[in-house]
Protein backbone atom coordinates (compact mmCIF):
# COMPACT_ATOMS: atom_id res chain seq x y z
CA MET A 1 -19.97 -188.55 -158.39
CA THR A 2 -21.47 -185.35 -157.09
CA THR A 3 -18.05 -183.84 -156.31
CA ARG A 4 -16.81 -184.48 -159.81
CA ALA A 5 -19.88 -182.85 -161.31
CA ILE A 6 -19.47 -179.76 -159.10
CA THR A 7 -15.76 -179.55 -159.93
CA THR A 8 -16.43 -179.84 -163.63
CA ALA A 9 -19.21 -177.26 -163.56
CA THR A 10 -17.20 -174.70 -161.61
CA LYS A 11 -14.07 -175.04 -163.73
CA PRO A 12 -13.24 -171.56 -165.10
CA THR A 13 -13.35 -171.06 -168.85
CA PRO A 14 -10.14 -169.91 -170.48
CA VAL A 15 -9.98 -166.19 -171.27
CA ILE A 16 -8.35 -165.05 -174.50
CA PRO A 17 -5.98 -162.14 -173.85
CA ALA A 18 -7.22 -158.87 -175.30
CA HIS A 19 -3.89 -158.05 -176.86
CA ARG A 20 -4.12 -160.97 -179.22
CA SER A 21 -5.37 -159.88 -182.63
CA ALA A 22 -6.47 -161.69 -185.73
CA PRO A 23 -3.70 -163.03 -187.90
CA PRO A 24 -2.66 -160.59 -190.64
CA ARG A 25 -4.22 -161.09 -194.02
CA PRO A 26 -1.90 -162.07 -196.76
CA ARG A 27 -1.09 -159.17 -199.06
CA ARG A 28 -2.39 -159.41 -202.55
CA ARG A 29 0.21 -159.31 -205.19
CA ARG A 30 -0.34 -156.50 -207.65
CA GLU A 31 -0.80 -157.64 -211.19
CA PRO A 32 1.83 -156.59 -213.74
CA ALA A 33 -0.80 -154.69 -215.73
CA SER A 34 -1.61 -152.43 -212.77
CA LEU A 35 2.08 -151.56 -212.47
CA ILE A 36 2.65 -150.95 -216.15
CA ARG A 37 -0.51 -148.93 -216.83
CA PRO A 38 0.53 -145.70 -214.98
CA PHE A 39 3.92 -145.81 -216.68
CA VAL A 40 2.32 -146.16 -220.12
CA VAL A 41 -0.07 -143.27 -219.42
CA ILE A 42 2.80 -141.01 -218.34
CA VAL A 43 4.86 -141.90 -221.42
CA LEU A 44 1.92 -141.21 -223.75
CA ALA A 45 1.23 -137.89 -222.02
CA VAL A 46 4.86 -136.84 -222.37
CA LEU A 47 4.97 -137.81 -226.05
CA THR A 48 1.67 -136.25 -227.06
CA ILE A 49 1.64 -133.15 -224.85
CA GLY A 50 5.02 -132.61 -223.27
CA VAL A 51 7.18 -132.86 -226.39
CA PRO A 52 5.15 -130.42 -228.57
CA LEU A 53 4.81 -128.02 -225.64
CA TRP A 54 8.54 -128.12 -224.99
CA LEU A 55 9.26 -127.56 -228.70
CA VAL A 56 7.06 -124.45 -228.77
CA ILE A 57 8.50 -122.97 -225.59
CA VAL A 58 12.19 -123.46 -226.35
CA THR A 59 11.81 -122.33 -229.96
CA SER A 60 10.03 -119.14 -228.87
CA ALA A 61 13.13 -118.21 -226.86
CA LYS A 62 15.69 -118.82 -229.63
CA PRO A 63 17.14 -116.33 -232.12
CA GLN A 64 16.24 -116.71 -235.77
CA ALA A 65 19.48 -118.52 -236.68
CA GLU A 66 18.75 -121.31 -234.20
CA ALA A 67 15.01 -121.49 -234.89
CA ILE A 68 15.19 -122.04 -238.66
CA LYS A 69 14.98 -125.78 -238.02
CA PRO A 70 12.96 -126.24 -234.82
CA ASN A 71 14.28 -128.89 -232.44
CA LEU A 72 14.10 -129.82 -228.77
CA ALA A 73 17.54 -128.48 -227.87
CA LEU A 74 17.87 -125.58 -225.46
CA PRO A 75 18.75 -122.24 -227.05
CA GLN A 76 22.37 -121.22 -226.91
CA ASN A 77 21.38 -117.55 -226.86
CA TRP A 78 18.18 -116.80 -224.96
CA GLN A 79 16.04 -113.93 -226.25
CA PRO A 80 12.41 -114.57 -225.16
CA GLY A 81 11.76 -110.91 -224.34
CA GLU A 82 12.72 -109.68 -227.79
CA ASN A 83 10.72 -112.42 -229.54
CA TYR A 84 7.58 -111.83 -227.50
CA SER A 85 7.70 -108.07 -227.88
CA THR A 86 8.19 -108.40 -231.65
CA ALA A 87 5.28 -110.83 -231.91
CA MET A 88 3.02 -108.47 -229.98
CA SER A 89 3.90 -105.39 -232.01
CA GLN A 90 4.31 -106.73 -235.54
CA GLY A 91 1.74 -109.51 -235.23
CA LYS A 92 -1.06 -107.25 -233.94
CA LEU A 93 -1.58 -109.54 -230.99
CA ILE A 94 -3.51 -107.10 -228.81
CA GLU A 95 -5.98 -106.36 -231.61
CA GLY A 96 -6.43 -110.06 -232.28
CA LEU A 97 -7.03 -110.86 -228.61
CA LEU A 98 -9.60 -108.08 -228.35
CA ASN A 99 -11.45 -109.38 -231.41
CA SER A 100 -11.42 -112.88 -229.96
CA VAL A 101 -12.90 -111.65 -226.69
CA LEU A 102 -15.65 -109.69 -228.48
CA VAL A 103 -16.64 -112.82 -230.39
CA VAL A 104 -16.10 -115.62 -227.87
CA LEU A 105 -17.74 -114.12 -224.77
CA PRO A 106 -21.12 -113.33 -226.42
CA SER A 107 -21.08 -116.77 -228.04
CA VAL A 108 -20.54 -118.43 -224.68
CA ALA A 109 -23.32 -116.40 -223.07
CA LEU A 110 -25.81 -117.34 -225.80
CA VAL A 111 -24.82 -121.00 -225.72
CA LEU A 112 -25.35 -121.16 -221.95
CA VAL A 113 -28.67 -119.33 -221.82
CA LEU A 114 -30.24 -120.99 -224.87
CA GLY A 115 -28.79 -124.38 -223.98
CA ALA A 116 -30.07 -124.26 -220.40
CA GLY A 117 -33.57 -123.26 -221.53
CA ALA A 118 -33.77 -125.97 -224.19
CA ALA A 119 -32.29 -128.59 -221.86
CA TRP A 120 -34.93 -127.81 -219.21
CA VAL A 121 -37.70 -128.39 -221.73
CA PHE A 122 -36.16 -131.62 -223.07
CA ALA A 123 -35.57 -132.96 -219.54
CA ARG A 124 -39.08 -132.33 -218.25
CA ARG A 125 -41.42 -132.88 -221.19
CA LYS A 126 -42.19 -136.24 -222.71
CA GLY A 127 -43.52 -137.18 -226.10
CA LYS A 128 -42.49 -138.25 -229.55
CA LEU A 129 -42.24 -134.69 -230.84
CA VAL A 130 -39.96 -133.67 -227.95
CA SER A 131 -37.80 -136.77 -228.43
CA ALA A 132 -37.49 -136.07 -232.14
CA ALA A 133 -36.57 -132.45 -231.50
CA TYR A 134 -33.95 -133.54 -228.97
CA ALA A 135 -32.45 -136.03 -231.42
CA VAL A 136 -32.25 -133.36 -234.13
CA THR A 137 -30.70 -130.89 -231.70
CA ILE A 138 -27.89 -133.14 -230.46
CA SER A 139 -27.19 -134.39 -233.98
CA GLY A 140 -24.87 -131.42 -234.20
CA LEU A 141 -22.42 -133.42 -232.09
CA LEU A 142 -21.83 -135.75 -235.02
CA LEU A 143 -22.69 -133.75 -238.14
CA PRO A 144 -20.20 -130.99 -239.01
CA PRO A 145 -21.69 -127.72 -240.27
CA ALA A 146 -21.43 -127.03 -243.99
CA VAL A 147 -19.20 -124.03 -244.52
CA ILE A 148 -20.57 -123.10 -247.95
CA THR A 149 -24.15 -123.13 -246.68
CA ILE A 150 -23.21 -121.04 -243.65
CA VAL A 151 -21.47 -118.39 -245.74
CA MET A 152 -24.37 -118.19 -248.21
CA GLU A 153 -26.92 -117.81 -245.43
CA LEU A 154 -24.87 -115.11 -243.73
CA ARG A 155 -24.61 -113.21 -247.02
CA GLN A 156 -28.37 -113.41 -247.48
CA LEU A 157 -28.89 -112.07 -243.96
CA GLY A 158 -26.23 -109.39 -244.32
CA LEU A 159 -24.10 -110.87 -241.53
CA ALA A 160 -21.07 -111.93 -243.55
CA ASN A 161 -17.77 -110.42 -242.43
CA THR A 162 -19.35 -109.20 -239.18
CA ARG A 163 -18.97 -110.11 -235.51
CA PRO A 164 -22.71 -110.91 -235.09
CA GLY A 165 -22.39 -113.42 -237.93
CA MET A 166 -19.41 -115.08 -236.26
CA ILE A 167 -21.25 -115.13 -232.93
CA ALA A 168 -24.25 -116.79 -234.58
CA VAL A 169 -22.02 -119.45 -236.14
CA TYR A 170 -20.29 -120.30 -232.86
CA THR A 171 -23.61 -120.37 -231.02
CA GLY A 172 -25.12 -122.80 -233.50
CA MET A 173 -22.01 -124.99 -233.57
CA TYR A 174 -21.66 -125.51 -229.82
CA LEU A 175 -25.29 -125.37 -228.73
CA SER A 176 -25.68 -129.13 -229.22
CA THR A 177 -22.88 -129.87 -226.74
CA SER A 178 -24.40 -127.58 -224.14
CA ILE A 179 -27.88 -129.07 -224.51
CA PHE A 180 -26.55 -132.62 -224.30
CA PHE A 181 -24.71 -132.13 -221.01
CA MET A 182 -27.35 -129.92 -219.40
CA THR A 183 -30.24 -132.25 -220.26
CA GLY A 184 -28.55 -135.22 -218.62
CA PHE A 185 -27.62 -133.11 -215.61
CA ILE A 186 -31.19 -131.87 -215.07
CA ARG A 187 -32.64 -135.37 -215.41
CA SER A 188 -30.25 -136.92 -212.92
CA THR A 189 -29.60 -134.12 -210.43
CA VAL A 190 -32.36 -131.48 -210.33
CA PRO A 191 -35.43 -132.87 -208.48
CA VAL A 192 -38.86 -132.14 -209.90
CA GLU A 193 -40.22 -131.52 -206.40
CA LEU A 194 -38.38 -128.20 -206.20
CA GLU A 195 -40.13 -126.95 -209.31
CA GLU A 196 -43.52 -128.19 -208.09
CA ALA A 197 -43.05 -126.44 -204.75
CA ALA A 198 -42.16 -123.22 -206.54
CA ARG A 199 -45.28 -123.48 -208.71
CA ILE A 200 -47.41 -123.95 -205.60
CA ASP A 201 -45.91 -120.75 -204.20
CA GLY A 202 -46.97 -118.93 -207.36
CA ALA A 203 -43.68 -118.84 -209.28
CA GLY A 204 -43.85 -118.74 -213.04
CA PRO A 205 -41.58 -120.48 -215.56
CA VAL A 206 -39.17 -117.54 -215.83
CA ARG A 207 -38.76 -117.30 -212.06
CA ILE A 208 -38.32 -121.06 -211.69
CA PHE A 209 -35.70 -121.06 -214.44
CA GLY A 210 -33.80 -118.14 -212.93
CA THR A 211 -33.96 -119.10 -209.24
CA ILE A 212 -33.87 -122.91 -209.34
CA ILE A 213 -32.62 -124.31 -212.64
CA LEU A 214 -29.71 -121.97 -213.37
CA PRO A 215 -28.21 -122.03 -209.84
CA MET A 216 -28.27 -125.83 -209.79
CA LEU A 217 -26.66 -125.99 -213.22
CA ARG A 218 -23.45 -124.33 -212.03
CA PRO A 219 -21.16 -127.38 -212.44
CA VAL A 220 -22.25 -128.15 -215.98
CA ILE A 221 -22.39 -124.44 -216.86
CA ALA A 222 -18.74 -124.15 -215.85
CA THR A 223 -17.90 -127.17 -218.02
CA ALA A 224 -19.77 -125.86 -221.04
CA THR A 225 -18.21 -122.42 -220.62
CA ILE A 226 -14.67 -123.72 -220.64
CA MET A 227 -15.24 -126.15 -223.50
CA VAL A 228 -16.87 -123.56 -225.76
CA MET A 229 -14.20 -121.01 -224.92
CA LEU A 230 -11.41 -123.45 -225.76
CA TYR A 231 -12.98 -124.46 -229.07
CA ALA A 232 -13.96 -120.98 -230.22
CA TRP A 233 -10.73 -119.34 -229.03
CA SER A 234 -8.55 -121.63 -231.16
CA ASP A 235 -10.79 -121.70 -234.24
CA VAL A 236 -9.22 -120.66 -237.53
CA PHE A 237 -11.26 -122.51 -240.13
CA TYR A 238 -14.70 -120.97 -239.63
CA SER A 239 -13.41 -117.53 -238.71
CA PHE A 240 -11.47 -117.48 -241.98
CA PHE A 241 -14.62 -117.99 -244.06
CA VAL A 242 -16.97 -115.87 -241.94
CA LEU A 243 -14.77 -112.92 -240.94
CA GLY A 244 -12.32 -113.02 -243.82
CA GLY A 245 -9.54 -111.27 -241.89
CA GLY A 246 -8.90 -107.56 -241.83
CA SER A 247 -9.57 -105.50 -238.73
CA LEU A 248 -12.01 -108.13 -237.38
CA ALA A 249 -9.51 -111.00 -237.41
CA THR A 250 -9.35 -113.02 -234.20
CA ALA A 251 -6.03 -114.03 -232.62
CA PRO A 252 -5.75 -117.46 -234.33
CA LEU A 253 -6.80 -116.02 -237.69
CA ASN A 254 -4.36 -113.17 -237.26
CA LEU A 255 -1.60 -115.71 -236.55
CA TYR A 256 -2.50 -117.58 -239.73
CA GLN A 257 -2.29 -114.40 -241.78
CA VAL A 258 0.99 -113.15 -240.38
CA ALA A 259 2.55 -116.63 -240.59
CA ASN A 260 1.90 -116.62 -244.35
CA ALA A 261 3.33 -113.14 -244.78
CA SER A 262 6.92 -112.54 -245.81
CA LEU A 263 7.63 -111.04 -242.39
CA TYR A 264 7.15 -114.37 -240.65
CA LEU A 265 8.49 -116.66 -243.40
CA ASN A 266 10.75 -119.20 -241.63
CA ASN A 267 10.64 -117.06 -238.50
CA TRP A 268 9.58 -119.91 -236.27
CA HIS A 269 10.77 -118.10 -233.16
CA LEU A 270 8.20 -115.33 -233.76
CA ILE A 271 5.42 -117.75 -234.73
CA PHE A 272 5.90 -119.85 -231.60
CA ALA A 273 6.18 -116.73 -229.45
CA TYR A 274 2.81 -115.63 -230.86
CA VAL A 275 1.38 -119.09 -230.11
CA VAL A 276 2.55 -118.94 -226.49
CA LEU A 277 1.09 -115.48 -225.90
CA MET A 278 -2.17 -116.35 -227.63
CA SER A 279 -2.59 -119.53 -225.56
CA LEU A 280 -1.88 -118.02 -222.15
CA PRO A 281 -5.47 -116.84 -221.42
CA MET A 282 -6.97 -120.26 -222.14
CA VAL A 283 -4.22 -122.06 -220.22
CA VAL A 284 -5.01 -119.95 -217.16
CA VAL A 285 -8.75 -120.60 -217.52
CA PHE A 286 -8.20 -124.34 -217.90
CA LEU A 287 -5.87 -124.63 -214.91
CA VAL A 288 -8.24 -122.71 -212.67
CA ALA A 289 -11.36 -124.70 -213.60
CA GLN A 290 -10.06 -128.16 -214.58
CA ARG A 291 -11.82 -129.86 -211.66
CA ARG A 292 -15.16 -128.41 -212.68
CA ILE A 293 -14.67 -129.72 -216.20
CA VAL A 294 -14.43 -133.31 -214.96
CA ALA A 295 -17.28 -132.86 -212.48
CA GLY A 296 -19.60 -131.41 -215.09
CA ILE A 297 -18.83 -134.08 -217.69
CA THR A 298 -19.33 -137.01 -215.30
CA SER A 299 -22.54 -135.60 -213.81
CA GLY A 300 -24.07 -134.43 -217.09
CA ALA A 301 -23.50 -137.58 -219.12
CA VAL A 302 -24.99 -140.16 -216.77
CA LYS A 303 -28.27 -140.33 -218.69
């Protein structure tokens, strides 16, 4: 009896080899929707973006005889250099681009500075009056500006047919977008403790805004900059009523005027060449900063 107990107690326990691993998990079968969705997105992107872009590019390289009826076929005779040079010289492209820069850049600067200051106030102060002011401010995202009222006010102020008037219009139009994104970004990302520590050190509101708020707003500032530049750069409607053409015409407005002239009548190769040249600056800006656009939108719209 004792021997059996000792034998049983001293019996070695089996050791599992270390090389044995857990059985592989069964692979999950991908649903048909997850396989079809990327294909659908690519097809929609090609149809909505790729086809019009291809039409513009190939038509801008065709001679007039082939471009009378624009199509997606490749040109039989390539002449992009001649078309682009003609569009630049006869379409006053350089003058239009310069006018666009003189209007868009100051508008962007004002939208960023005024939007950041207003967003800081809306993000930090509480109260019914502040909430009402914020609601009125961002209502510009939904309510389009009245053109007739804008033109009448500019005439009363003596700003009609002037660059400052156009800058004021763009600033008022896109200030709501800037305030909306920056307010959400400050509420969710910028800690209040940094501002309180700066106040303890003796910093005033201007110093806090310049050394703390603006540097931390870089992602959303980049987003607002690119969005406002894209909108204002391609605007024809408001620039037509405010500037009225002439020597102050921006690049899109200049394209509209020359496209209606007898020189460009049915000359689609010159019109599309002008479109390509006019769009190149914004295409470069968008490609360089496309990641910051997504980062600023996702971080600024969380609240």
